[in-house]
């Protein structure tokens, strides 16, 4: 399992994408405002994603 680093772009949960802001022991905190359709989705700006539940799109 590859763990994301701060600044990486990850994808998770059916295509949601975001920028990693903080790496914790078991998860990352992700800024979702990176997505072009962020406003239309009506999501919170940040979320927590377990290391097992994402893939790194861009380093």
PDB file of N, CA and C in Angstrom:
ATOM      1  N   UNK A   1       0.848  -1.185   0.000  1.00  0.00           N
ATOM      2  CA  UNK A   1       0.000   0.000   0.000  1.00  0.00           C
ATOM      3  C   UNK A   1       0.889   1.241   0.000  1.00  0.00           C
ATOM      4  N   UNK A   2       0.658   2.107  -0.969  1.00  0.00           N
ATOM      5  CA  UNK A   2       1.394   3.364  -1.051  1.00  0.00           C
ATOM      6  C   UNK A   2       0.612   4.439  -0.317  1.00  0.00           C
ATOM      7  N   UNK A   3       1.272   5.135   0.589  1.00  0.00           N
ATOM      8  CA  UNK A   3       0.628   6.194   1.363  1.00  0.00           C
ATOM      9  C   UNK A   3       0.876   7.536   0.680  1.00  0.00           C
ATOM     10  N   UNK A   4      -0.180   8.294   0.517  1.00  0.00           N
ATOM     11  CA  UNK A   4      -0.086   9.610  -0.128  1.00  0.00           C
ATOM     12  C   UNK A   4       0.715  10.573   0.742  1.00  0.00           C
ATOM     13  N   UNK A   5       1.240  11.599   0.090  1.00  0.00           N
ATOM     14  CA  UNK A   5       1.967  12.663   0.779  1.00  0.00           C
ATOM     15  C   UNK A   5       1.201  13.969   0.599  1.00  0.00           C
ATOM     16  N   UNK A   6       1.528  14.958   1.413  1.00  0.00           N
ATOM     17  CA  UNK A   6       0.888  16.274   1.317  1.00  0.00           C
ATOM     18  C   UNK A   6       1.092  16.812  -0.099  1.00  0.00           C
ATOM     19  N   UNK A   7       0.014  17.271  -0.712  1.00  0.00           N
ATOM     20  CA  UNK A   7       0.065  17.824  -2.060  1.00  0.00           C
ATOM     21  C   UNK A   7      -0.328  16.842  -3.143  1.00  0.00           C
ATOM     22  N   UNK A   8      -0.371  15.547  -2.834  1.00  0.00           N
ATOM     23  CA  UNK A   8      -0.807  14.546  -3.814  1.00  0.00           C
ATOM     24  C   UNK A   8      -2.292  14.714  -4.108  1.00  0.00           C
ATOM     25  N   UNK A   9      -2.678  14.355  -5.315  1.00  0.00           N
ATOM     26  CA  UNK A   9      -4.090  14.334  -5.689  1.00  0.00           C
ATOM     27  C   UNK A   9      -4.534  12.880  -5.642  1.00  0.00           C
ATOM     28  N   UNK A  10      -5.608  12.627  -4.903  1.00  0.00           N
ATOM     29  CA  UNK A  10      -6.094  11.254  -4.760  1.00  0.00           C
ATOM     30  C   UNK A  10      -7.529  11.146  -5.259  1.00  0.00           C
ATOM     31  N   UNK A  11      -7.918   9.913  -5.559  1.00  0.00           N
ATOM     32  CA  UNK A  11      -9.295   9.625  -5.966  1.00  0.00           C
ATOM     33  C   UNK A  11      -9.852   8.572  -5.032  1.00  0.00           C
ATOM     34  N   UNK A  12     -11.121   8.732  -4.655  1.00  0.00           N
ATOM     35  CA  UNK A  12     -11.756   7.821  -3.711  1.00  0.00           C
ATOM     36  C   UNK A  12     -13.257   7.845  -3.916  1.00  0.00           C
ATOM     37  N   UNK A  13     -13.932   6.879  -3.342  1.00  0.00           N
ATOM     38  CA  UNK A  13     -15.399   6.847  -3.291  1.00  0.00           C
ATOM     39  C   UNK A  13     -16.082   7.262  -4.599  1.00  0.00           C
ATOM     40  N   UNK A  14     -16.051   6.398  -5.577  1.00  0.00           N
ATOM     41  CA  UNK A  14     -16.769   6.614  -6.844  1.00  0.00           C
ATOM     42  C   UNK A  14     -16.351   7.873  -7.595  1.00  0.00           C
ATOM     43  N   UNK A  15     -15.066   8.180  -7.622  1.00  0.00           N
ATOM     44  CA  UNK A  15     -14.575   9.260  -8.471  1.00  0.00           C
ATOM     45  C   UNK A  15     -14.349  10.605  -7.824  1.00  0.00           C
ATOM     46  N   UNK A  16     -14.605  10.748  -6.548  1.00  0.00           N
ATOM     47  CA  UNK A  16     -14.296  12.022  -5.895  1.00  0.00           C
ATOM     48  C   UNK A  16     -12.782  12.204  -5.869  1.00  0.00           C
ATOM     49  N   UNK A  17     -12.332  13.451  -6.045  1.00  0.00           N
ATOM     50  CA  UNK A  17     -10.904  13.741  -6.031  1.00  0.00           C
ATOM     51  C   UNK A  17     -10.621  14.905  -5.109  1.00  0.00           C
ATOM     52  N   UNK A  18      -9.393  14.936  -4.591  1.00  0.00           N
ATOM     53  CA  UNK A  18      -9.002  16.031  -3.729  1.00  0.00           C
ATOM     54  C   UNK A  18      -7.506  16.065  -3.524  1.00  0.00           C
ATOM     55  N   UNK A  19      -7.056  17.135  -2.887  1.00  0.00           N
ATOM     56  CA  UNK A  19      -5.638  17.341  -2.599  1.00  0.00           C
ATOM     57  C   UNK A  19      -5.388  17.000  -1.135  1.00  0.00           C
ATOM     58  N   UNK A  20      -4.377  16.182  -0.888  1.00  0.00           N
ATOM     59  CA  UNK A  20      -4.033  15.779   0.473  1.00  0.00           C
ATOM     60  C   UNK A  20      -3.437  16.977   1.211  1.00  0.00           C
ATOM     61  N   UNK A  21      -4.023  17.300   2.365  1.00  0.00           N
ATOM     62  CA  UNK A  21      -3.534  18.411   3.182  1.00  0.00           C
ATOM     63  C   UNK A  21      -2.745  17.942   4.393  1.00  0.00           C
ATOM     64  N   UNK A  22      -3.097  16.763   4.911  1.00  0.00           N
ATOM     65  CA  UNK A  22      -2.411  16.250   6.094  1.00  0.00           C
ATOM     66  C   UNK A  22      -2.442  14.733   6.057  1.00  0.00           C
ATOM     67  N   UNK A  23      -1.329  14.124   6.463  1.00  0.00           N
ATOM     68  CA  UNK A  23      -1.233  12.671   6.513  1.00  0.00           C
ATOM     69  C   UNK A  23      -1.214  12.245   7.972  1.00  0.00           C
ATOM     70  N   UNK A  24      -2.159  11.387   8.343  1.00  0.00           N
ATOM     71  CA  UNK A  24      -2.221  10.833   9.694  1.00  0.00           C
ATOM     72  C   UNK A  24      -1.772   9.378   9.648  1.00  0.00           C
ATOM     73  N   UNK A  25      -1.748   8.728  10.789  1.00  0.00           N
ATOM     74  CA  UNK A  25      -1.286   7.343  10.862  1.00  0.00           C
ATOM     75  C   UNK A  25      -2.126   6.403   9.991  1.00  0.00           C
ATOM     76  N   UNK A  26      -3.452   6.542  10.040  1.00  0.00           N
ATOM     77  CA  UNK A  26      -4.343   5.635   9.321  1.00  0.00           C
ATOM     78  C   UNK A  26      -5.156   6.293   8.222  1.00  0.00           C
ATOM     79  N   UNK A  27      -4.984   7.602   8.022  1.00  0.00           N
ATOM     80  CA  UNK A  27      -5.832   8.312   7.069  1.00  0.00           C
ATOM     81  C   UNK A  27      -5.169   9.596   6.575  1.00  0.00           C
ATOM     82  N   UNK A  28      -5.831  10.230   5.612  1.00  0.00           N
ATOM     83  CA  UNK A  28      -5.400  11.538   5.127  1.00  0.00           C
ATOM     84  C   UNK A  28      -6.573  12.504   5.204  1.00  0.00           C
ATOM     85  N   UNK A  29      -6.274  13.781   5.358  1.00  0.00           N
ATOM     86  CA  UNK A  29      -7.285  14.828   5.296  1.00  0.00           C
ATOM     87  C   UNK A  29      -7.179  15.443   3.911  1.00  0.00           C
ATOM     88  N   UNK A  30      -8.327  15.509   3.216  1.00  0.00           N
ATOM     89  CA  UNK A  30      -8.356  15.878   1.799  1.00  0.00           C
ATOM     90  C   UNK A  30      -9.198  17.128   1.589  1.00  0.00           C
ATOM     91  N   UNK A  31      -8.678  18.063   0.777  1.00  0.00           N
ATOM     92  CA  UNK A  31      -9.410  19.266   0.372  1.00  0.00           C
ATOM     93  C   UNK A  31     -10.147  18.952  -0.924  1.00  0.00           C
ATOM     94  N   UNK A  32     -11.471  18.964  -0.879  1.00  0.00           N
ATOM     95  CA  UNK A  32     -12.290  18.592  -2.032  1.00  0.00           C
ATOM     96  C   UNK A  32     -12.552  19.740  -3.001  1.00  0.00           C
ATOM     97  N   UNK A  33     -12.179  20.962  -2.641  1.00  0.00           N
ATOM     98  CA  UNK A  33     -12.454  22.106  -3.518  1.00  0.00           C
ATOM     99  C   UNK A  33     -11.645  22.040  -4.809  1.00  0.00           C
ATOM    100  N   UNK A  34     -10.750  21.079  -4.920  1.00  0.00           N
ATOM    101  CA  UNK A  34      -9.962  20.850  -6.140  1.00  0.00           C
ATOM    102  C   UNK A  34     -10.861  20.477  -7.322  1.00  0.00           C
ATOM    103  N   UNK A  35     -11.966  19.802  -7.055  1.00  0.00           N
ATOM    104  CA  UNK A  35     -12.849  19.336  -8.133  1.00  0.00           C
ATOM    105  C   UNK A  35     -13.582  20.499  -8.794  1.00  0.00           C
ATOM    106  N   UNK A  36     -13.679  20.444 -10.121  1.00  0.00           N
ATOM    107  CA  UNK A  36     -14.366  21.508 -10.868  1.00  0.00           C
ATOM    108  C   UNK A  36     -15.842  21.605 -10.500  1.00  0.00           C
ATOM    109  N   UNK A  37     -16.468  20.461 -10.214  1.00  0.00           N
ATOM    110  CA  UNK A  37     -17.901  20.444  -9.905  1.00  0.00           C
ATOM    111  C   UNK A  37     -18.167  20.434  -8.394  1.00  0.00           C
ATOM    112  N   UNK A  38     -17.224  20.932  -7.607  1.00  0.00           N
ATOM    113  CA  UNK A  38     -17.360  20.927  -6.148  1.00  0.00           C
ATOM    114  C   UNK A  38     -18.639  21.618  -5.684  1.00  0.00           C
ATOM    115  N   UNK A  39     -18.928  22.801  -6.209  1.00  0.00           N
ATOM    116  CA  UNK A  39     -20.109  23.558  -5.771  1.00  0.00           C
ATOM    117  C   UNK A  39     -21.405  22.807  -6.076  1.00  0.00           C
ATOM    118  N   UNK A  40     -21.470  22.149  -7.219  1.00  0.00           N
ATOM    119  CA  UNK A  40     -22.674  21.421  -7.613  1.00  0.00           C
ATOM    120  C   UNK A  40     -22.924  20.200  -6.724  1.00  0.00           C
ATOM    121  N   UNK A  41     -21.876  19.612  -6.193  1.00  0.00           N
ATOM    122  CA  UNK A  41     -22.010  18.411  -5.366  1.00  0.00           C
ATOM    123  C   UNK A  41     -22.470  18.704  -3.940  1.00  0.00           C
ATOM    124  N   UNK A  42     -22.340  19.936  -3.510  1.00  0.00           N
ATOM    125  CA  UNK A  42     -22.738  20.361  -2.161  1.00  0.00           C
ATOM    126  C   UNK A  42     -22.122  19.484  -1.072  1.00  0.00           C
ATOM    127  N   UNK A  43     -20.799  19.357  -1.113  1.00  0.00           N
ATOM    128  CA  UNK A  43     -20.047  18.585  -0.123  1.00  0.00           C
ATOM    129  C   UNK A  43     -19.343  19.522   0.845  1.00  0.00           C
ATOM    130  N   UNK A  44     -18.907  18.973   1.961  1.00  0.00           N
ATOM    131  CA  UNK A  44     -18.034  19.725   2.869  1.00  0.00           C
ATOM    132  C   UNK A  44     -16.710  19.978   2.147  1.00  0.00           C
ATOM    133  N   UNK A  45     -15.977  21.016   2.554  1.00  0.00           N
ATOM    134  CA  UNK A  45     -14.715  21.344   1.890  1.00  0.00           C
ATOM    135  C   UNK A  45     -13.641  20.292   2.125  1.00  0.00           C
ATOM    136  N   UNK A  46     -13.660  19.659   3.301  1.00  0.00           N
ATOM    137  CA  UNK A  46     -12.615  18.691   3.644  1.00  0.00           C
ATOM    138  C   UNK A  46     -13.242  17.401   4.155  1.00  0.00           C
ATOM    139  N   UNK A  47     -12.501  16.310   3.983  1.00  0.00           N
ATOM    140  CA  UNK A  47     -12.960  15.021   4.488  1.00  0.00           C
ATOM    141  C   UNK A  47     -11.755  14.173   4.865  1.00  0.00           C
ATOM    142  N   UNK A  48     -12.007  13.106   5.587  1.00  0.00           N
ATOM    143  CA  UNK A  48     -10.968  12.171   6.014  1.00  0.00           C
ATOM    144  C   UNK A  48     -11.158  10.872   5.237  1.00  0.00           C
ATOM    145  N   UNK A  49     -10.052  10.348   4.698  1.00  0.00           N
ATOM    146  CA  UNK A  49     -10.103   9.118   3.909  1.00  0.00           C
ATOM    147  C   UNK A  49      -9.052   8.148   4.440  1.00  0.00           C
ATOM    148  N   UNK A  50      -9.466   6.916   4.707  1.00  0.00           N
ATOM    149  CA  UNK A  50      -8.558   5.879   5.173  1.00  0.00           C
ATOM    150  C   UNK A  50      -7.566   5.539   4.061  1.00  0.00           C
ATOM    151  N   UNK A  51      -6.330   5.186   4.441  1.00  0.00           N
ATOM    152  CA  UNK A  51      -5.295   4.847   3.460  1.00  0.00           C
ATOM    153  C   UNK A  51      -5.715   3.708   2.533  1.00  0.00           C
ATOM    154  N   UNK A  52      -6.568   2.815   3.012  1.00  0.00           N
ATOM    155  CA  UNK A  52      -6.995   1.665   2.210  1.00  0.00           C
ATOM    156  C   UNK A  52      -8.049   2.032   1.171  1.00  0.00           C
ATOM    157  N   UNK A  53      -8.593   3.253   1.235  1.00  0.00           N
ATOM    158  CA  UNK A  53      -9.761   3.594   0.428  1.00  0.00           C
ATOM    159  C   UNK A  53      -9.510   4.625  -0.675  1.00  0.00           C
ATOM    160  N   UNK A  54      -8.260   4.889  -1.020  1.00  0.00           N
ATOM    161  CA  UNK A  54      -7.982   5.841  -2.099  1.00  0.00           C
ATOM    162  C   UNK A  54      -6.864   5.331  -2.988  1.00  0.00           C
ATOM    163  N   UNK A  55      -6.750   5.965  -4.166  1.00  0.00           N
ATOM    164  CA  UNK A  55      -5.591   5.710  -5.006  1.00  0.00           C
ATOM    165  C   UNK A  55      -5.011   7.072  -5.397  1.00  0.00           C
ATOM    166  N   UNK A  56      -3.695   7.116  -5.540  1.00  0.00           N
ATOM    167  CA  UNK A  56      -3.005   8.357  -5.877  1.00  0.00           C
ATOM    168  C   UNK A  56      -3.104   8.584  -7.388  1.00  0.00           C
ATOM    169  N   UNK A  57      -3.612   9.747  -7.766  1.00  0.00           N
ATOM    170  CA  UNK A  57      -3.771  10.104  -9.175  1.00  0.00           C
ATOM    171  C   UNK A  57      -2.536  10.839  -9.675  1.00  0.00           C
ATOM    172  N   UNK A  58      -2.034  11.788  -8.886  1.00  0.00           N
ATOM    173  CA  UNK A  58      -0.897  12.618  -9.285  1.00  0.00           C
ATOM    174  C   UNK A  58      -0.064  12.961  -8.066  1.00  0.00           C
ATOM    175  N   UNK A  59       1.244  12.807  -8.203  1.00  0.00           N
ATOM    176  CA  UNK A  59       2.149  13.147  -7.091  1.00  0.00           C
ATOM    177  C   UNK A  59       2.686  14.539  -7.240  1.00  0.00           C
TER     178      UNK A  59
END
